[in-house]
């Protein structure tokens, strides 16, 4: 059994931040999708959950959930609205370096 903790290398943080940007997926779905994108070939399913934990940790470091738009109760009071609208997106915490 593979016991060692997996850490995502720092150079990949920007890539993960880019993949997370403006996503309205729940963190678990987002984590799984990013794991699939970053390890599509020769994936070892026995340790895939270790990568999920490491990716989720990075997501929480480089991004935060940000509510936007109308509050749910106001939206619910409006007639003829779409039933499924995302209320949360991830925004990057990484700031661009100024030259």
PDB file of N, CA and C in Angstrom:
ATOM      1  N   UNK A   1       0.837  -1.193   0.000  1.00  0.00           N
ATOM      2  CA  UNK A   1       0.000   0.000   0.000  1.00  0.00           C
ATOM      3  C   UNK A   1       0.872   1.243   0.000  1.00  0.00           C
ATOM      4  N   UNK A   2       0.495   2.246  -0.728  1.00  0.00           N
ATOM      5  CA  UNK A   2       1.233   3.488  -0.869  1.00  0.00           C
ATOM      6  C   UNK A   2       0.844   4.428   0.255  1.00  0.00           C
ATOM      7  N   UNK A   3       1.760   4.695   1.210  1.00  0.00           N
ATOM      8  CA  UNK A   3       1.458   5.474   2.407  1.00  0.00           C
ATOM      9  C   UNK A   3       1.917   6.923   2.334  1.00  0.00           C
ATOM     10  N   UNK A   4       2.867   7.227   1.465  1.00  0.00           N
ATOM     11  CA  UNK A   4       3.456   8.557   1.426  1.00  0.00           C
ATOM     12  C   UNK A   4       2.433   9.601   0.947  1.00  0.00           C
ATOM     13  N   UNK A   5       2.506  10.798   1.551  1.00  0.00           N
ATOM     14  CA  UNK A   5       1.668  11.906   1.128  1.00  0.00           C
ATOM     15  C   UNK A   5       2.220  12.486  -0.164  1.00  0.00           C
ATOM     16  N   UNK A   6       1.336  12.858  -1.052  1.00  0.00           N
ATOM     17  CA  UNK A   6       1.745  13.435  -2.331  1.00  0.00           C
ATOM     18  C   UNK A   6       1.587  14.949  -2.253  1.00  0.00           C
ATOM     19  N   UNK A   7       2.603  15.656  -2.704  1.00  0.00           N
ATOM     20  CA  UNK A   7       2.565  17.113  -2.765  1.00  0.00           C
ATOM     21  C   UNK A   7       2.666  17.546  -4.223  1.00  0.00           C
ATOM     22  N   UNK A   8       1.832  18.491  -4.611  1.00  0.00           N
ATOM     23  CA  UNK A   8       1.889  19.036  -5.961  1.00  0.00           C
ATOM     24  C   UNK A   8       3.046  20.041  -6.008  1.00  0.00           C
ATOM     25  N   UNK A   9       3.934  19.937  -7.005  1.00  0.00           N
ATOM     26  CA  UNK A   9       5.043  20.890  -7.109  1.00  0.00           C
ATOM     27  C   UNK A   9       4.539  22.316  -7.346  1.00  0.00           C
ATOM     28  N   UNK A  10       5.202  23.277  -6.762  1.00  0.00           N
ATOM     29  CA  UNK A  10       4.820  24.687  -6.837  1.00  0.00           C
ATOM     30  C   UNK A  10       4.608  25.194  -8.269  1.00  0.00           C
ATOM     31  N   UNK A  11       5.426  24.795  -9.250  1.00  0.00           N
ATOM     32  CA  UNK A  11       5.199  25.289 -10.614  1.00  0.00           C
ATOM     33  C   UNK A  11       3.814  24.929 -11.194  1.00  0.00           C
ATOM     34  N   UNK A  12       3.161  23.911 -10.637  1.00  0.00           N
ATOM     35  CA  UNK A  12       1.845  23.510 -11.126  1.00  0.00           C
ATOM     36  C   UNK A  12       0.702  24.328 -10.507  1.00  0.00           C
ATOM     37  N   UNK A  13       0.987  25.126  -9.507  1.00  0.00           N
ATOM     38  CA  UNK A  13      -0.055  25.913  -8.844  1.00  0.00           C
ATOM     39  C   UNK A  13      -0.743  26.863  -9.818  1.00  0.00           C
ATOM     40  N   UNK A  14       0.037  27.527 -10.687  1.00  0.00           N
ATOM     41  CA  UNK A  14      -0.561  28.433 -11.675  1.00  0.00           C
ATOM     42  C   UNK A  14      -1.463  27.680 -12.649  1.00  0.00           C
ATOM     43  N   UNK A  15      -1.050  26.483 -13.043  1.00  0.00           N
ATOM     44  CA  UNK A  15      -1.869  25.672 -13.944  1.00  0.00           C
ATOM     45  C   UNK A  15      -3.183  25.303 -13.273  1.00  0.00           C
ATOM     46  N   UNK A  16      -3.122  24.869 -12.038  1.00  0.00           N
ATOM     47  CA  UNK A  16      -4.341  24.506 -11.308  1.00  0.00           C
ATOM     48  C   UNK A  16      -5.223  25.738 -11.118  1.00  0.00           C
ATOM     49  N   UNK A  17      -4.610  26.882 -10.814  1.00  0.00           N
ATOM     50  CA  UNK A  17      -5.385  28.126 -10.676  1.00  0.00           C
ATOM     51  C   UNK A  17      -6.103  28.456 -11.979  1.00  0.00           C
ATOM     52  N   UNK A  18      -5.454  28.253 -13.110  1.00  0.00           N
ATOM     53  CA  UNK A  18      -6.085  28.524 -14.409  1.00  0.00           C
ATOM     54  C   UNK A  18      -7.242  27.565 -14.671  1.00  0.00           C
ATOM     55  N   UNK A  19      -7.080  26.294 -14.285  1.00  0.00           N
ATOM     56  CA  UNK A  19      -8.152  25.315 -14.495  1.00  0.00           C
ATOM     57  C   UNK A  19      -9.341  25.561 -13.572  1.00  0.00           C
ATOM     58  N   UNK A  20      -9.081  26.162 -12.421  1.00  0.00           N
ATOM     59  CA  UNK A  20     -10.125  26.421 -11.423  1.00  0.00           C
ATOM     60  C   UNK A  20     -10.906  27.701 -11.733  1.00  0.00           C
ATOM     61  N   UNK A  21     -10.230  28.663 -12.366  1.00  0.00           N
ATOM     62  CA  UNK A  21     -10.802  29.993 -12.592  1.00  0.00           C
ATOM     63  C   UNK A  21     -12.218  29.924 -13.157  1.00  0.00           C
ATOM     64  N   UNK A  22     -13.122  30.624 -12.515  1.00  0.00           N
ATOM     65  CA  UNK A  22     -14.515  30.790 -12.938  1.00  0.00           C
ATOM     66  C   UNK A  22     -15.311  29.482 -13.000  1.00  0.00           C
ATOM     67  N   UNK A  23     -14.841  28.453 -12.326  1.00  0.00           N
ATOM     68  CA  UNK A  23     -15.598  27.207 -12.284  1.00  0.00           C
ATOM     69  C   UNK A  23     -16.739  27.330 -11.288  1.00  0.00           C
ATOM     70  N   UNK A  24     -17.862  26.741 -11.628  1.00  0.00           N
ATOM     71  CA  UNK A  24     -18.983  26.712 -10.689  1.00  0.00           C
ATOM     72  C   UNK A  24     -19.219  25.297 -10.167  1.00  0.00           C
ATOM     73  N   UNK A  25     -18.251  24.412 -10.389  1.00  0.00           N
ATOM     74  CA  UNK A  25     -18.358  23.030  -9.920  1.00  0.00           C
ATOM     75  C   UNK A  25     -18.072  22.949  -8.425  1.00  0.00           C
ATOM     76  N   UNK A  26     -18.692  21.996  -7.739  1.00  0.00           N
ATOM     77  CA  UNK A  26     -18.317  21.744  -6.339  1.00  0.00           C
ATOM     78  C   UNK A  26     -16.850  21.324  -6.274  1.00  0.00           C
ATOM     79  N   UNK A  27     -16.208  21.553  -5.155  1.00  0.00           N
ATOM     80  CA  UNK A  27     -14.774  21.286  -5.015  1.00  0.00           C
ATOM     81  C   UNK A  27     -14.417  19.834  -5.326  1.00  0.00           C
ATOM     82  N   UNK A  28     -15.236  18.880  -4.905  1.00  0.00           N
ATOM     83  CA  UNK A  28     -14.919  17.473  -5.154  1.00  0.00           C
ATOM     84  C   UNK A  28     -14.959  17.146  -6.646  1.00  0.00           C
ATOM     85  N   UNK A  29     -15.930  17.686  -7.353  1.00  0.00           N
ATOM     86  CA  UNK A  29     -16.038  17.455  -8.799  1.00  0.00           C
ATOM     87  C   UNK A  29     -14.886  18.140  -9.526  1.00  0.00           C
ATOM     88  N   UNK A  30     -14.594  19.357  -9.111  1.00  0.00           N
ATOM     89  CA  UNK A  30     -13.490  20.116  -9.695  1.00  0.00           C
ATOM     90  C   UNK A  30     -12.160  19.388  -9.483  1.00  0.00           C
ATOM     91  N   UNK A  31     -11.946  18.886  -8.289  1.00  0.00           N
ATOM     92  CA  UNK A  31     -10.727  18.140  -7.963  1.00  0.00           C
ATOM     93  C   UNK A  31     -10.592  16.911  -8.849  1.00  0.00           C
ATOM     94  N   UNK A  32     -11.663  16.168  -8.993  1.00  0.00           N
ATOM     95  CA  UNK A  32     -11.647  14.965  -9.820  1.00  0.00           C
ATOM     96  C   UNK A  32     -11.382  15.304 -11.285  1.00  0.00           C
ATOM     97  N   UNK A  33     -12.005  16.375 -11.772  1.00  0.00           N
ATOM     98  CA  UNK A  33     -11.808  16.783 -13.171  1.00  0.00           C
ATOM     99  C   UNK A  33     -10.351  17.183 -13.408  1.00  0.00           C
ATOM    100  N   UNK A  34      -9.771  17.943 -12.496  1.00  0.00           N
ATOM    101  CA  UNK A  34      -8.383  18.357 -12.653  1.00  0.00           C
ATOM    102  C   UNK A  34      -7.450  17.146 -12.582  1.00  0.00           C
ATOM    103  N   UNK A  35      -7.728  16.215 -11.699  1.00  0.00           N
ATOM    104  CA  UNK A  35      -6.940  14.980 -11.622  1.00  0.00           C
ATOM    105  C   UNK A  35      -7.012  14.235 -12.948  1.00  0.00           C
ATOM    106  N   UNK A  36      -8.199  14.161 -13.547  1.00  0.00           N
ATOM    107  CA  UNK A  36      -8.355  13.485 -14.838  1.00  0.00           C
ATOM    108  C   UNK A  36      -7.572  14.201 -15.933  1.00  0.00           C
ATOM    109  N   UNK A  37      -7.577  15.540 -15.911  1.00  0.00           N
ATOM    110  CA  UNK A  37      -6.866  16.318 -16.926  1.00  0.00           C
ATOM    111  C   UNK A  37      -5.357  16.149 -16.786  1.00  0.00           C
ATOM    112  N   UNK A  38      -4.876  16.147 -15.559  1.00  0.00           N
ATOM    113  CA  UNK A  38      -3.433  16.104 -15.335  1.00  0.00           C
ATOM    114  C   UNK A  38      -2.833  14.706 -15.371  1.00  0.00           C
ATOM    115  N   UNK A  39      -3.657  13.677 -15.239  1.00  0.00           N
ATOM    116  CA  UNK A  39      -3.101  12.312 -15.248  1.00  0.00           C
ATOM    117  C   UNK A  39      -3.963  11.354 -16.067  1.00  0.00           C
ATOM    118  N   UNK A  40      -4.152  11.643 -17.369  1.00  0.00           N
ATOM    119  CA  UNK A  40      -5.025  10.773 -18.168  1.00  0.00           C
ATOM    120  C   UNK A  40      -4.386   9.450 -18.599  1.00  0.00           C
ATOM    121  N   UNK A  41      -3.052   9.389 -18.638  1.00  0.00           N
ATOM    122  CA  UNK A  41      -2.372   8.187 -19.125  1.00  0.00           C
ATOM    123  C   UNK A  41      -1.587   7.524 -18.004  1.00  0.00           C
ATOM    124  N   UNK A  42      -1.551   6.222 -18.021  1.00  0.00           N
ATOM    125  CA  UNK A  42      -0.814   5.429 -17.035  1.00  0.00           C
ATOM    126  C   UNK A  42      -1.193   5.789 -15.602  1.00  0.00           C
ATOM    127  N   UNK A  43      -2.460   6.059 -15.402  1.00  0.00           N
ATOM    128  CA  UNK A  43      -2.954   6.453 -14.080  1.00  0.00           C
ATOM    129  C   UNK A  43      -3.000   5.239 -13.159  1.00  0.00           C
ATOM    130  N   UNK A  44      -2.496   5.399 -11.963  1.00  0.00           N
ATOM    131  CA  UNK A  44      -2.507   4.343 -10.967  1.00  0.00           C
ATOM    132  C   UNK A  44      -3.700   4.589 -10.043  1.00  0.00           C
ATOM    133  N   UNK A  45      -4.764   3.845 -10.228  1.00  0.00           N
ATOM    134  CA  UNK A  45      -5.999   4.054  -9.463  1.00  0.00           C
ATOM    135  C   UNK A  45      -5.828   3.803  -7.968  1.00  0.00           C
ATOM    136  N   UNK A  46      -4.824   3.003  -7.596  1.00  0.00           N
ATOM    137  CA  UNK A  46      -4.599   2.734  -6.166  1.00  0.00           C
ATOM    138  C   UNK A  46      -4.154   3.977  -5.413  1.00  0.00           C
ATOM    139  N   UNK A  47      -3.497   4.916  -6.122  1.00  0.00           N
ATOM    140  CA  UNK A  47      -3.041   6.131  -5.439  1.00  0.00           C
ATOM    141  C   UNK A  47      -3.733   7.394  -5.967  1.00  0.00           C
ATOM    142  N   UNK A  48      -4.727   7.231  -6.835  1.00  0.00           N
ATOM    143  CA  UNK A  48      -5.418   8.390  -7.412  1.00  0.00           C
ATOM    144  C   UNK A  48      -6.049   9.264  -6.328  1.00  0.00           C
ATOM    145  N   UNK A  49      -6.557   8.650  -5.255  1.00  0.00           N
ATOM    146  CA  UNK A  49      -7.178   9.441  -4.187  1.00  0.00           C
ATOM    147  C   UNK A  49      -6.149  10.325  -3.482  1.00  0.00           C
ATOM    148  N   UNK A  50      -4.883   9.895  -3.443  1.00  0.00           N
ATOM    149  CA  UNK A  50      -3.817  10.727  -2.857  1.00  0.00           C
ATOM    150  C   UNK A  50      -3.632  11.999  -3.690  1.00  0.00           C
ATOM    151  N   UNK A  51      -3.723  11.852  -5.021  1.00  0.00           N
ATOM    152  CA  UNK A  51      -3.627  13.023  -5.887  1.00  0.00           C
ATOM    153  C   UNK A  51      -4.842  13.930  -5.697  1.00  0.00           C
ATOM    154  N   UNK A  52      -6.028  13.327  -5.512  1.00  0.00           N
ATOM    155  CA  UNK A  52      -7.223  14.137  -5.246  1.00  0.00           C
ATOM    156  C   UNK A  52      -7.027  15.009  -4.009  1.00  0.00           C
ATOM    157  N   UNK A  53      -6.483  14.421  -2.947  1.00  0.00           N
ATOM    158  CA  UNK A  53      -6.244  15.182  -1.714  1.00  0.00           C
ATOM    159  C   UNK A  53      -5.240  16.310  -1.943  1.00  0.00           C
ATOM    160  N   UNK A  54      -4.175  16.018  -2.685  1.00  0.00           N
ATOM    161  CA  UNK A  54      -3.146  17.027  -2.957  1.00  0.00           C
ATOM    162  C   UNK A  54      -3.695  18.146  -3.838  1.00  0.00           C
ATOM    163  N   UNK A  55      -4.486  17.793  -4.848  1.00  0.00           N
ATOM    164  CA  UNK A  55      -5.073  18.795  -5.743  1.00  0.00           C
ATOM    165  C   UNK A  55      -6.067  19.663  -4.988  1.00  0.00           C
ATOM    166  N   UNK A  56      -6.892  19.053  -4.143  1.00  0.00           N
ATOM    167  CA  UNK A  56      -7.856  19.825  -3.350  1.00  0.00           C
ATOM    168  C   UNK A  56      -7.135  20.817  -2.428  1.00  0.00           C
ATOM    169  N   UNK A  57      -6.026  20.387  -1.865  1.00  0.00           N
ATOM    170  CA  UNK A  57      -5.230  21.261  -0.995  1.00  0.00           C
ATOM    171  C   UNK A  57      -4.727  22.479  -1.785  1.00  0.00           C
ATOM    172  N   UNK A  58      -4.253  22.250  -3.004  1.00  0.00           N
ATOM    173  CA  UNK A  58      -3.763  23.351  -3.843  1.00  0.00           C
ATOM    174  C   UNK A  58      -4.913  24.275  -4.238  1.00  0.00           C
ATOM    175  N   UNK A  59      -6.060  23.706  -4.596  1.00  0.00           N
ATOM    176  CA  UNK A  59      -7.219  24.523  -4.958  1.00  0.00           C
ATOM    177  C   UNK A  59      -7.550  25.486  -3.822  1.00  0.00           C
ATOM    178  N   UNK A  60      -7.540  24.975  -2.606  1.00  0.00           N
ATOM    179  CA  UNK A  60      -7.869  25.818  -1.457  1.00  0.00           C
ATOM    180  C   UNK A  60      -6.811  26.885  -1.201  1.00  0.00           C
ATOM    181  N   UNK A  61      -5.591  26.667  -1.681  1.00  0.00           N
ATOM    182  CA  UNK A  61      -4.528  27.656  -1.514  1.00  0.00           C
ATOM    183  C   UNK A  61      -4.563  28.727  -2.606  1.00  0.00           C
ATOM    184  N   UNK A  62      -4.950  28.353  -3.827  1.00  0.00           N
ATOM    185  CA  UNK A  62      -4.853  29.297  -4.948  1.00  0.00           C
ATOM    186  C   UNK A  62      -6.174  29.948  -5.320  1.00  0.00           C
ATOM    187  N   UNK A  63      -7.274  29.508  -4.743  1.00  0.00           N
ATOM    188  CA  UNK A  63      -8.578  30.052  -5.138  1.00  0.00           C
ATOM    189  C   UNK A  63      -9.521  30.087  -3.947  1.00  0.00           C
ATOM    190  N   UNK A  64     -10.579  30.848  -4.094  1.00  0.00           N
ATOM    191  CA  UNK A  64     -11.623  30.880  -3.076  1.00  0.00           C
ATOM    192  C   UNK A  64     -12.967  30.991  -3.772  1.00  0.00           C
ATOM    193  N   UNK A  65     -14.005  30.498  -3.116  1.00  0.00           N
ATOM    194  CA  UNK A  65     -15.352  30.596  -3.674  1.00  0.00           C
ATOM    195  C   UNK A  65     -15.840  32.018  -3.502  1.00  0.00           C
ATOM    196  N   UNK A  66     -16.516  32.498  -4.512  1.00  0.00           N
ATOM    197  CA  UNK A  66     -16.990  33.876  -4.497  1.00  0.00           C
ATOM    198  C   UNK A  66     -18.445  33.883  -4.980  1.00  0.00           C
ATOM    199  N   UNK A  67     -19.347  34.296  -4.109  1.00  0.00           N
ATOM    200  CA  UNK A  67     -20.743  34.415  -4.509  1.00  0.00           C
ATOM    201  C   UNK A  67     -20.904  35.620  -5.418  1.00  0.00           C
ATOM    202  N   UNK A  68     -21.846  35.562  -6.318  1.00  0.00           N
ATOM    203  CA  UNK A  68     -22.067  36.669  -7.232  1.00  0.00           C
ATOM    204  C   UNK A  68     -23.547  36.731  -7.604  1.00  0.00           C
ATOM    205  N   UNK A  69     -23.954  37.841  -8.147  1.00  0.00           N
ATOM    206  CA  UNK A  69     -25.321  37.989  -8.628  1.00  0.00           C
ATOM    207  C   UNK A  69     -26.320  38.196  -7.507  1.00  0.00           C
ATOM    208  N   UNK A  70     -27.567  37.903  -7.810  1.00  0.00           N
ATOM    209  CA  UNK A  70     -28.655  38.077  -6.854  1.00  0.00           C
ATOM    210  C   UNK A  70     -28.581  37.033  -5.747  1.00  0.00           C
ATOM    211  N   UNK A  71     -29.096  37.390  -4.597  1.00  0.00           N
ATOM    212  CA  UNK A  71     -29.238  36.409  -3.534  1.00  0.00           C
ATOM    213  C   UNK A  71     -30.305  35.410  -3.950  1.00  0.00           C
ATOM    214  N   UNK A  72     -30.174  34.176  -3.479  1.00  0.00           N
ATOM    215  CA  UNK A  72     -31.094  33.112  -3.869  1.00  0.00           C
ATOM    216  C   UNK A  72     -32.547  33.474  -3.574  1.00  0.00           C
ATOM    217  N   UNK A  73     -32.827  34.058  -2.409  1.00  0.00           N
ATOM    218  CA  UNK A  73     -34.216  34.377  -2.053  1.00  0.00           C
ATOM    219  C   UNK A  73     -34.814  35.448  -2.971  1.00  0.00           C
ATOM    220  N   UNK A  74     -34.004  36.381  -3.444  1.00  0.00           N
ATOM    221  CA  UNK A  74     -34.502  37.392  -4.383  1.00  0.00           C
ATOM    222  C   UNK A  74     -34.780  36.741  -5.727  1.00  0.00           C
ATOM    223  N   UNK A  75     -33.855  35.904  -6.176  1.00  0.00           N
ATOM    224  CA  UNK A  75     -34.033  35.203  -7.447  1.00  0.00           C
ATOM    225  C   UNK A  75     -35.285  34.336  -7.420  1.00  0.00           C
ATOM    226  N   UNK A  76     -35.531  33.653  -6.299  1.00  0.00           N
ATOM    227  CA  UNK A  76     -36.705  32.799  -6.173  1.00  0.00           C
ATOM    228  C   UNK A  76     -38.007  33.595  -6.251  1.00  0.00           C
ATOM    229  N   UNK A  77     -37.959  34.867  -5.870  1.00  0.00           N
ATOM    230  CA  UNK A  77     -39.177  35.682  -5.882  1.00  0.00           C
ATOM    231  C   UNK A  77     -39.513  36.222  -7.275  1.00  0.00           C
ATOM    232  N   UNK A  78     -38.585  36.118  -8.226  1.00  0.00           N
ATOM    233  CA  UNK A  78     -38.811  36.614  -9.587  1.00  0.00           C
ATOM    234  C   UNK A  78     -39.503  35.533 -10.404  1.00  0.00           C
ATOM    235  N   UNK A  79     -40.529  35.925 -11.160  1.00  0.00           N
ATOM    236  CA  UNK A  79     -41.241  34.963 -12.004  1.00  0.00           C
ATOM    237  C   UNK A  79     -40.452  34.672 -13.276  1.00  0.00           C
ATOM    238  N   UNK A  80     -40.647  33.489 -13.823  1.00  0.00           N
ATOM    239  CA  UNK A  80     -40.078  33.070 -15.109  1.00  0.00           C
ATOM    240  C   UNK A  80     -38.547  33.107 -15.114  1.00  0.00           C
ATOM    241  N   UNK A  81     -37.934  32.482 -14.147  1.00  0.00           N
ATOM    242  CA  UNK A  81     -36.475  32.414 -14.094  1.00  0.00           C
ATOM    243  C   UNK A  81     -36.007  30.991 -14.379  1.00  0.00           C
ATOM    244  N   UNK A  82     -34.752  30.874 -14.757  1.00  0.00           N
ATOM    245  CA  UNK A  82     -34.175  29.555 -15.020  1.00  0.00           C
ATOM    246  C   UNK A  82     -34.029  28.790 -13.702  1.00  0.00           C
ATOM    247  N   UNK A  83     -34.357  27.493 -13.674  1.00  0.00           N
ATOM    248  CA  UNK A  83     -34.308  26.740 -12.416  1.00  0.00           C
ATOM    249  C   UNK A  83     -32.886  26.432 -11.927  1.00  0.00           C
ATOM    250  N   UNK A  84     -31.930  26.320 -12.832  1.00  0.00           N
ATOM    251  CA  UNK A  84     -30.571  25.940 -12.431  1.00  0.00           C
ATOM    252  C   UNK A  84     -29.586  27.028 -12.820  1.00  0.00           C
ATOM    253  N   UNK A  85     -29.145  27.774 -11.870  1.00  0.00           N
ATOM    254  CA  UNK A  85     -28.151  28.807 -12.111  1.00  0.00           C
ATOM    255  C   UNK A  85     -27.066  28.682 -11.047  1.00  0.00           C
ATOM    256  N   UNK A  86     -25.799  28.731 -11.461  1.00  0.00           N
ATOM    257  CA  UNK A  86     -24.739  28.616 -10.448  1.00  0.00           C
ATOM    258  C   UNK A  86     -24.660  29.879  -9.605  1.00  0.00           C
ATOM    259  N   UNK A  87     -24.458  29.710  -8.315  1.00  0.00           N
ATOM    260  CA  UNK A  87     -24.383  30.850  -7.409  1.00  0.00           C
ATOM    261  C   UNK A  87     -22.993  31.078  -6.875  1.00  0.00           C
ATOM    262  N   UNK A  88     -22.072  30.192  -7.211  1.00  0.00           N
ATOM    263  CA  UNK A  88     -20.717  30.293  -6.671  1.00  0.00           C
ATOM    264  C   UNK A  88     -19.721  30.013  -7.787  1.00  0.00           C
ATOM    265  N   UNK A  89     -18.652  30.769  -7.828  1.00  0.00           N
ATOM    266  CA  UNK A  89     -17.546  30.494  -8.742  1.00  0.00           C
ATOM    267  C   UNK A  89     -16.259  30.590  -7.951  1.00  0.00           C
ATOM    268  N   UNK A  90     -15.218  29.972  -8.487  1.00  0.00           N
ATOM    269  CA  UNK A  90     -13.908  30.084  -7.870  1.00  0.00           C
ATOM    270  C   UNK A  90     -13.179  31.263  -8.495  1.00  0.00           C
ATOM    271  N   UNK A  91     -12.501  32.011  -7.686  1.00  0.00           N
ATOM    272  CA  UNK A  91     -11.669  33.123  -8.152  1.00  0.00           C
ATOM    273  C   UNK A  91     -10.242  32.846  -7.703  1.00  0.00           C
ATOM    274  N   UNK A  92      -9.289  33.193  -8.550  1.00  0.00           N
ATOM    275  CA  UNK A  92      -7.882  32.951  -8.236  1.00  0.00           C
ATOM    276  C   UNK A  92      -7.396  33.867  -7.137  1.00  0.00           C
ATOM    277  N   UNK A  93      -6.576  33.335  -6.265  1.00  0.00           N
ATOM    278  CA  UNK A  93      -5.897  34.121  -5.238  1.00  0.00           C
ATOM    279  C   UNK A  93      -4.537  34.593  -5.732  1.00  0.00           C
ATOM    280  N   UNK A  94      -4.060  34.012  -6.832  1.00  0.00           N
ATOM    281  CA  UNK A  94      -2.734  34.331  -7.340  1.00  0.00           C
ATOM    282  C   UNK A  94      -2.788  35.678  -8.040  1.00  0.00           C
ATOM    283  N   UNK A  95      -1.917  36.578  -7.654  1.00  0.00           N
ATOM    284  CA  UNK A  95      -1.860  37.894  -8.262  1.00  0.00           C
ATOM    285  C   UNK A  95      -0.776  37.916  -9.315  1.00  0.00           C
ATOM    286  N   UNK A  96      -1.041  38.638 -10.392  1.00  0.00           N
ATOM    287  CA  UNK A  96      -0.056  38.773 -11.463  1.00  0.00           C
ATOM    288  C   UNK A  96       1.119  39.615 -10.972  1.00  0.00           C
ATOM    289  N   UNK A  97       2.324  39.203 -11.323  1.00  0.00           N
ATOM    290  CA  UNK A  97       3.514  39.953 -10.936  1.00  0.00           C
ATOM    291  C   UNK A  97       3.652  41.148 -11.867  1.00  0.00           C
ATOM    292  N   UNK A  98       3.969  42.293 -11.289  1.00  0.00           N
ATOM    293  CA  UNK A  98       4.207  43.496 -12.090  1.00  0.00           C
ATOM    294  C   UNK A  98       5.689  43.572 -12.427  1.00  0.00           C
ATOM    295  N   UNK A  99       5.964  43.897 -13.677  1.00  0.00           N
ATOM    296  CA  UNK A  99       7.375  44.013 -14.106  1.00  0.00           C
ATOM    297  C   UNK A  99       7.959  45.333 -13.709  1.00  0.00           C
TER     298      UNK A  99
END
